[in-house]
Amino acid sequence: MMLLKFYLALFDTEIEALNLQQPYSELKKLDSKVNSKVAGFIRIGTWGRQSGGPQNNWSFELESDHRLQKITIDHGDDVIYSLMFTSQHEGVLHIPSKAGGCAGGQTVSEVMLDSDEEIVGIKGSISTRDGLTIISSLSFETSKKRAHGPFGEESTSVFSIPWDKGSLVGFYGIAGHYIDGIGVHVKPHEKIMRVGTWGRSDPGLTRNVWSFQLEENHHLQKITIDHGDLIYSLMFSTQYKGLINTSNRFGGWNGGDKVSEVAFDWNEEIIAISGTVAVSRGDDIGHTIIASISFVTNKKRYGPYGNVRGNPFTLPWDDGSFAGFYGLCGWYIDSIGVYLKATK
């Protein structure tokens, strides 16, 4: 029995044209595995193409006590054709099927990981080919501060997903002739893990660190955003048994042009954030800051707040729950990341 669960159906016609009314029974079984919720995992993503037929779904999950030993990337100048993952358990290598198209690129590259090394972040970019959304480049960052890639060619539509206090346990996405979309399965080391940050990376002084975590059974009731050309400050209100608790104000006290409030229903939860990273302008010029921010819930999208300029970032997730925000701040919100917890 194959210990690494991997699924992809390969085909000869364009993805968009496929609409199989009655997939093969075996594909139904495999697809149910791809779309099942795995206890303790958080699915972060997808970047690139968001949906396809069951035959387009691919998923790789590390089995218990297996470690990722190698990633094989078939790529061209501007596209990732396919991915293949090799795991190791008790000295035995396990190689699943390939995700992506049969037609290869100009180069096949391999990322080899040491026995005590794991991936702690991915970067990539999104483009189009033959009218389809595809992943045009990928990079992998490891716990040994090594960066592998980029493989393919970076476009202007980029994504970057670092994390800590959690381990990579797989990848998933959409594929056809190419890798069209990609996301990651991550397992928290403890109850809560951190994903991010985006923005300034140098922590500077300890007082520049800010953190907001939802307490057990508390509901995020409101976010207050002070903004103008950038995000000046954030403040969070939670509710528990009818009582409202308000956090400290994180960021500067000088304030922007506008204060906006996002009020959430009792059954509403954040499932994604997006924003842009830029540099401050005006009297206090040249600092890396969060220029804009948006919040997406299971009901609607709020924002953007601030000024949409600079480099974009986006973080969607499922099979996991929002548990708070953290980052760096000074006169402004300099960086932001998200606390996530597994739902099972």
Protein backbone atom coordinates (compact mmCIF):
# COMPACT_ATOMS: atom_id res chain seq x y z
CA MET A 1 0.00 0.00 0.00
CA MET A 2 1.35 3.40 -0.97
CA LEU A 3 2.15 5.24 2.25
CA LEU A 4 2.10 8.65 0.64
CA LYS A 5 -1.35 9.70 -0.42
CA PHE A 6 -1.09 11.49 -3.74
CA TYR A 7 -3.76 12.04 -6.34
CA LEU A 8 -3.85 13.51 -9.81
CA ALA A 9 -5.56 12.46 -13.00
CA LEU A 10 -3.72 13.36 -16.19
CA PHE A 11 -5.56 14.14 -19.37
CA ASP A 12 -5.15 15.40 -22.94
CA THR A 13 -7.68 18.24 -23.24
CA GLU A 14 -7.66 21.70 -21.72
CA ILE A 15 -8.70 21.86 -18.06
CA GLU A 16 -11.40 24.46 -18.52
CA ALA A 17 -13.19 22.28 -21.08
CA LEU A 18 -13.41 19.25 -18.84
CA ASN A 19 -16.71 18.55 -17.11
CA LEU A 20 -16.86 14.89 -16.22
CA GLN A 21 -20.39 14.08 -15.07
CA GLN A 22 -19.52 10.62 -13.79
CA PRO A 23 -15.86 10.28 -12.81
CA TYR A 24 -14.39 6.84 -12.40
CA SER A 25 -15.26 5.23 -9.06
CA GLU A 26 -11.60 5.16 -8.14
CA LEU A 27 -11.30 8.88 -8.74
CA LYS A 28 -14.29 9.44 -6.46
CA LYS A 29 -12.54 7.57 -3.67
CA LEU A 30 -9.32 9.49 -4.17
CA ASP A 31 -11.11 12.82 -4.40
CA SER A 32 -12.83 12.19 -1.08
CA LYS A 33 -9.39 11.83 0.48
CA VAL A 34 -8.17 15.05 -1.12
CA ASN A 35 -11.14 17.04 0.19
CA SER A 36 -11.41 15.43 3.62
CA LYS A 37 -10.53 17.38 6.74
CA VAL A 38 -7.46 15.94 8.38
CA ALA A 39 -7.38 16.17 12.16
CA GLY A 40 -4.79 18.61 13.44
CA PHE A 41 -3.95 20.10 10.04
CA ILE A 42 -4.45 23.66 8.82
CA ARG A 43 -4.83 24.21 5.07
CA ILE A 44 -3.20 27.49 4.04
CA GLY A 45 -3.97 28.68 0.53
CA THR A 46 -4.77 28.26 -2.36
CA TRP A 47 -2.70 30.58 -4.57
CA GLY A 48 -3.27 30.48 -8.31
CA ARG A 49 -6.30 28.78 -9.79
CA GLN A 50 -8.94 28.33 -7.12
CA SER A 51 -11.10 25.50 -8.40
CA GLY A 52 -11.47 22.76 -10.97
CA GLY A 53 -13.12 19.42 -11.47
CA PRO A 54 -12.33 16.47 -9.19
CA GLN A 55 -9.83 15.25 -11.78
CA ASN A 56 -7.81 18.47 -11.32
CA ASN A 57 -7.28 18.16 -7.55
CA TRP A 58 -3.92 17.00 -6.28
CA SER A 59 -2.75 16.43 -2.73
CA PHE A 60 0.37 15.16 -1.02
CA GLU A 61 0.38 14.41 2.71
CA LEU A 62 3.26 13.11 4.77
CA GLU A 63 2.37 10.00 6.73
CA SER A 64 3.18 9.86 10.44
CA ASP A 65 6.93 9.55 11.16
CA HIS A 66 7.82 10.23 7.52
CA ARG A 67 10.03 13.14 6.60
CA LEU A 68 10.17 15.04 3.31
CA GLN A 69 13.45 14.09 1.67
CA LYS A 70 13.22 15.62 -1.81
CA ILE A 71 11.06 17.82 -4.05
CA THR A 72 11.41 17.38 -7.81
CA ILE A 73 10.35 20.42 -9.86
CA ASP A 74 9.84 20.23 -13.63
CA HIS A 75 9.80 23.81 -14.87
CA GLY A 76 10.29 26.09 -17.84
CA ASP A 77 11.11 29.76 -18.11
CA ASP A 78 7.68 30.91 -16.97
CA VAL A 79 5.73 27.94 -15.60
CA ILE A 80 5.89 25.06 -13.15
CA TYR A 81 4.97 21.95 -15.14
CA SER A 82 4.89 19.38 -12.36
CA LEU A 83 5.92 18.53 -8.80
CA MET A 84 6.91 15.25 -7.22
CA PHE A 85 7.62 14.62 -3.53
CA THR A 86 9.84 11.92 -2.04
CA SER A 87 9.57 10.99 1.62
CA GLN A 88 11.71 8.73 3.79
CA HIS A 89 10.75 6.38 6.61
CA GLU A 90 13.19 4.03 8.35
CA GLY A 91 15.62 4.32 5.44
CA VAL A 92 13.01 3.50 2.78
CA LEU A 93 12.13 6.07 0.11
CA HIS A 94 8.51 6.51 -0.97
CA ILE A 95 7.84 8.21 -4.30
CA PRO A 96 4.25 9.02 -5.28
CA SER A 97 2.83 9.94 -8.67
CA LYS A 98 3.62 13.26 -10.29
CA ALA A 99 1.32 16.28 -9.95
CA GLY A 100 1.00 18.26 -13.14
CA GLY A 101 1.30 17.71 -16.86
CA CYS A 102 3.06 15.03 -18.84
CA ALA A 103 4.69 17.64 -21.08
CA GLY A 104 7.89 18.67 -19.35
CA GLY A 105 9.81 21.91 -19.21
CA GLN A 106 13.38 22.76 -20.05
CA THR A 107 14.73 21.94 -16.57
CA VAL A 108 14.17 19.40 -13.83
CA SER A 109 15.46 20.63 -10.46
CA GLU A 110 15.69 18.84 -7.14
CA VAL A 111 15.49 20.26 -3.63
CA MET A 112 17.28 17.91 -1.21
CA LEU A 113 16.55 18.28 2.51
CA ASP A 114 18.83 17.14 5.32
CA SER A 115 17.51 14.72 7.93
CA ASP A 116 17.09 17.58 10.43
CA GLU A 117 15.76 20.13 7.94
CA GLU A 118 12.20 21.10 7.10
CA ILE A 119 10.43 23.66 4.96
CA VAL A 120 9.28 26.75 6.88
CA GLY A 121 7.99 28.90 4.04
CA ILE A 122 7.18 29.03 0.36
CA LYS A 123 7.23 31.86 -2.16
CA GLY A 124 5.89 31.93 -5.67
CA SER A 125 4.19 33.88 -8.40
CA ILE A 126 1.05 33.54 -10.48
CA SER A 127 0.62 34.13 -14.20
CA THR A 128 -1.45 32.91 -17.16
CA ARG A 129 -0.64 30.55 -20.01
CA ASP A 130 -2.96 29.50 -22.84
CA GLY A 131 -5.67 31.46 -21.08
CA LEU A 132 -5.29 29.50 -17.83
CA THR A 133 -4.12 30.67 -14.41
CA ILE A 134 -0.87 28.90 -13.52
CA ILE A 135 1.97 28.95 -10.97
CA SER A 136 4.88 30.56 -12.80
CA SER A 137 7.54 30.20 -10.10
CA LEU A 138 8.19 28.56 -6.72
CA SER A 139 10.79 28.89 -3.97
CA PHE A 140 11.19 26.93 -0.74
CA GLU A 141 12.72 28.23 2.51
CA THR A 142 14.00 25.83 5.15
CA SER A 143 14.74 25.74 8.87
CA LYS A 144 18.46 25.98 8.05
CA LYS A 145 17.95 29.46 6.53
CA ARG A 146 18.43 28.07 3.05
CA ALA A 147 16.39 29.31 0.10
CA HIS A 148 15.85 26.96 -2.83
CA GLY A 149 14.75 28.68 -6.03
CA PRO A 150 13.11 30.47 -7.61
CA PHE A 151 12.24 27.71 -10.05
CA GLY A 152 10.45 29.03 -13.14
CA GLU A 153 10.19 32.77 -13.65
CA GLU A 154 8.75 35.28 -11.21
CA SER A 155 5.84 37.40 -12.37
CA THR A 156 4.47 40.59 -10.85
CA SER A 157 1.72 38.67 -8.99
CA VAL A 158 3.64 37.15 -6.08
CA PHE A 159 2.84 35.34 -2.83
CA SER A 160 4.97 34.61 0.22
CA ILE A 161 3.98 32.34 3.11
CA PRO A 162 6.34 31.99 6.08
CA TRP A 163 5.29 30.19 9.27
CA ASP A 164 6.68 29.08 12.61
CA LYS A 165 5.54 26.97 15.56
CA GLY A 166 4.21 24.55 12.96
CA SER A 167 5.50 21.87 10.59
CA LEU A 168 4.82 21.32 6.92
CA VAL A 169 2.92 18.07 6.41
CA GLY A 170 1.97 18.37 2.75
CA PHE A 171 0.91 20.31 -0.30
CA TYR A 172 -2.29 20.44 -2.33
CA GLY A 173 -3.77 22.36 -5.23
CA ILE A 174 -5.13 22.32 -8.77
CA ALA A 175 -3.23 20.94 -11.77
CA GLY A 176 -3.65 20.00 -15.41
CA HIS A 177 -0.98 20.49 -18.03
CA TYR A 178 0.77 22.66 -15.41
CA ILE A 179 0.62 23.35 -11.69
CA ASP A 180 -2.29 25.79 -11.65
CA GLY A 181 -2.74 26.31 -7.90
CA ILE A 182 -0.90 25.42 -4.70
CA GLY A 183 -1.47 25.47 -0.94
CA VAL A 184 0.16 23.88 2.08
CA HIS A 185 -0.90 21.54 4.89
CA VAL A 186 0.68 22.69 8.17
CA LYS A 187 0.41 21.10 11.61
CA PRO A 188 0.84 23.33 14.70
CA HIS A 189 3.48 22.26 17.21
CA GLU A 190 1.18 23.41 19.98
CA LYS A 191 -2.42 24.63 20.00
CA ILE A 192 -1.68 27.82 18.04
CA MET A 193 0.82 28.54 15.26
CA ARG A 194 1.98 31.74 13.60
CA VAL A 195 1.80 32.49 9.88
CA GLY A 196 3.66 35.56 8.63
CA THR A 197 4.78 38.22 9.03
CA TRP A 198 4.50 40.65 6.13
CA GLY A 199 6.16 44.04 6.38
CA ARG A 200 9.18 45.00 8.49
CA SER A 201 11.23 42.00 9.61
CA ASP A 202 13.79 43.60 11.96
CA PRO A 203 12.13 43.62 15.41
CA GLY A 204 14.16 46.52 16.76
CA LEU A 205 13.15 47.17 20.37
CA THR A 206 10.98 44.78 22.37
CA ARG A 207 8.31 47.44 22.72
CA ASN A 208 7.85 47.32 18.94
CA VAL A 209 6.33 43.84 19.16
CA TRP A 210 2.53 43.69 19.32
CA SER A 211 0.24 40.70 19.80
CA PHE A 212 -3.47 40.07 20.10
CA GLN A 213 -4.82 36.56 20.82
CA LEU A 214 -8.42 35.51 21.21
CA GLU A 215 -9.07 33.97 24.59
CA GLU A 216 -10.88 30.64 24.81
CA ASN A 217 -14.57 30.95 23.85
CA HIS A 218 -14.22 34.67 23.08
CA HIS A 219 -15.64 36.02 19.81
CA LEU A 220 -13.95 38.78 17.78
CA GLN A 221 -16.63 41.45 17.80
CA LYS A 222 -14.91 44.46 16.21
CA ILE A 223 -11.68 45.71 14.62
CA THR A 224 -10.93 49.44 14.74
CA ILE A 225 -8.57 50.65 11.99
CA ASP A 226 -6.94 54.09 12.04
CA HIS A 227 -5.72 54.70 8.50
CA GLY A 228 -4.75 57.20 5.83
CA ASP A 229 -1.87 56.72 3.41
CA LEU A 230 -1.03 53.68 5.56
CA ILE A 231 -2.32 51.75 8.57
CA TYR A 232 -1.62 53.82 11.70
CA SER A 233 -3.07 51.55 14.35
CA LEU A 234 -5.32 48.57 15.07
CA MET A 235 -7.53 47.82 18.07
CA PHE A 236 -9.59 44.69 18.73
CA SER A 237 -12.78 44.14 20.72
CA THR A 238 -13.96 40.70 21.81
CA GLN A 239 -17.16 39.48 23.40
CA TYR A 240 -17.74 36.78 26.00
CA LYS A 241 -21.07 36.15 27.76
CA GLY A 242 -22.30 39.60 26.77
CA LEU A 243 -19.21 41.43 28.06
CA ILE A 244 -17.02 43.48 25.69
CA ASN A 245 -13.24 43.42 26.15
CA THR A 246 -11.08 45.88 24.19
CA SER A 247 -7.37 45.40 23.51
CA ASN A 248 -4.65 47.99 23.66
CA ARG A 249 -4.25 50.20 20.65
CA PHE A 250 -1.38 48.81 18.57
CA GLY A 251 0.56 51.36 16.50
CA GLY A 252 1.01 55.12 16.58
CA TRP A 253 -1.05 57.70 18.42
CA ASN A 254 -0.77 60.47 15.82
CA GLY A 255 -3.59 59.00 13.70
CA GLY A 256 -4.59 59.02 10.07
CA ASP A 257 -7.34 60.65 8.06
CA LYS A 258 -10.04 58.15 9.01
CA VAL A 259 -11.06 55.65 11.66
CA SER A 260 -13.04 52.67 10.38
CA GLU A 261 -14.76 49.93 12.34
CA VAL A 262 -15.41 46.37 11.19
CA ALA A 263 -18.20 44.80 13.23
CA PHE A 264 -18.70 41.04 13.00
CA ASP A 265 -21.86 39.00 13.49
CA TRP A 266 -21.88 36.42 16.27
CA ASN A 267 -21.46 33.61 13.69
CA GLU A 268 -18.89 35.38 11.53
CA GLU A 269 -15.19 34.50 11.44
CA ILE A 270 -12.15 35.77 9.55
CA ILE A 271 -10.95 33.26 6.94
CA ALA A 272 -8.40 35.37 5.05
CA ILE A 273 -6.51 38.65 5.07
CA SER A 274 -4.82 40.61 2.31
CA GLY A 275 -2.91 43.84 2.14
CA THR A 276 0.09 45.70 0.79
CA VAL A 277 3.54 46.48 2.13
CA ALA A 278 5.16 49.82 1.22
CA VAL A 279 7.31 52.59 2.71
CA SER A 280 6.09 55.57 4.69
CA ARG A 281 5.92 58.97 3.03
CA GLY A 282 5.68 62.56 4.17
CA ASP A 283 7.37 63.78 7.37
CA ASP A 284 8.50 60.32 8.51
CA ILE A 285 9.70 58.88 5.24
CA GLY A 286 11.33 55.57 4.35
CA HIS A 287 10.01 53.08 6.94
CA THR A 288 8.59 49.70 5.89
CA ILE A 289 4.92 49.68 6.84
CA ILE A 290 1.55 48.06 6.15
CA ALA A 291 -0.03 50.42 3.62
CA SER A 292 -3.40 48.68 3.34
CA ILE A 293 -5.32 45.80 4.87
CA SER A 294 -8.51 43.86 4.09
CA PHE A 295 -10.35 41.18 6.04
CA VAL A 296 -12.37 38.36 4.50
CA THR A 297 -14.92 36.41 6.55
CA ASN A 298 -17.23 33.49 5.92
CA LYS A 299 -19.85 36.14 5.04
CA LYS A 300 -18.18 39.05 3.23
CA ARG A 301 -15.07 41.13 2.52
CA TYR A 302 -14.15 44.29 4.45
CA GLY A 303 -11.76 46.84 3.02
CA PRO A 304 -9.30 47.74 1.76
CA TYR A 305 -8.40 50.22 4.48
CA GLY A 306 -5.43 52.50 3.93
CA ASN A 307 -3.83 53.13 0.56
CA VAL A 308 -3.40 50.15 -1.80
CA ARG A 309 0.21 50.63 -2.91
CA GLY A 310 3.44 48.65 -2.78
CA ASN A 311 3.81 44.87 -2.69
CA PRO A 312 0.66 42.81 -2.12
CA PHE A 313 0.23 39.84 0.20
CA THR A 314 -2.69 37.50 0.78
CA LEU A 315 -3.35 34.72 3.29
CA PRO A 316 -6.42 32.48 2.98
CA TRP A 317 -6.93 29.38 5.13
CA ASP A 318 -9.41 26.63 5.91
CA ASP A 319 -9.47 23.54 8.12
CA GLY A 320 -8.22 25.99 10.73
CA SER A 321 -9.56 28.89 12.79
CA PHE A 322 -8.46 32.47 13.27
CA ALA A 323 -6.91 33.00 16.71
CA GLY A 324 -5.38 36.49 16.56
CA PHE A 325 -2.86 38.86 15.01
CA TYR A 326 0.71 39.86 15.81
CA GLY A 327 3.55 41.89 14.31
CA LEU A 328 5.71 44.97 14.76
CA CYS A 329 4.67 48.56 15.26
CA GLY A 330 6.01 51.98 16.07
CA TRP A 331 4.38 55.13 14.77
CA TYR A 332 2.51 52.82 12.39
CA ILE A 333 1.65 49.15 11.90
CA ASP A 334 4.97 47.99 10.47
CA SER A 335 4.15 44.31 9.99
CA ILE A 336 1.37 41.82 10.53
CA GLY A 337 0.93 38.07 10.88
CA VAL A 338 -1.88 35.74 11.89
CA TYR A 339 -2.33 33.25 14.73
CA LEU A 340 -4.13 30.11 13.54
CA LYS A 341 -5.29 27.01 15.39
CA ALA A 342 -6.35 23.61 14.12
CA THR A 343 -10.09 23.01 14.27
CA LYS A 344 -9.77 19.31 15.15
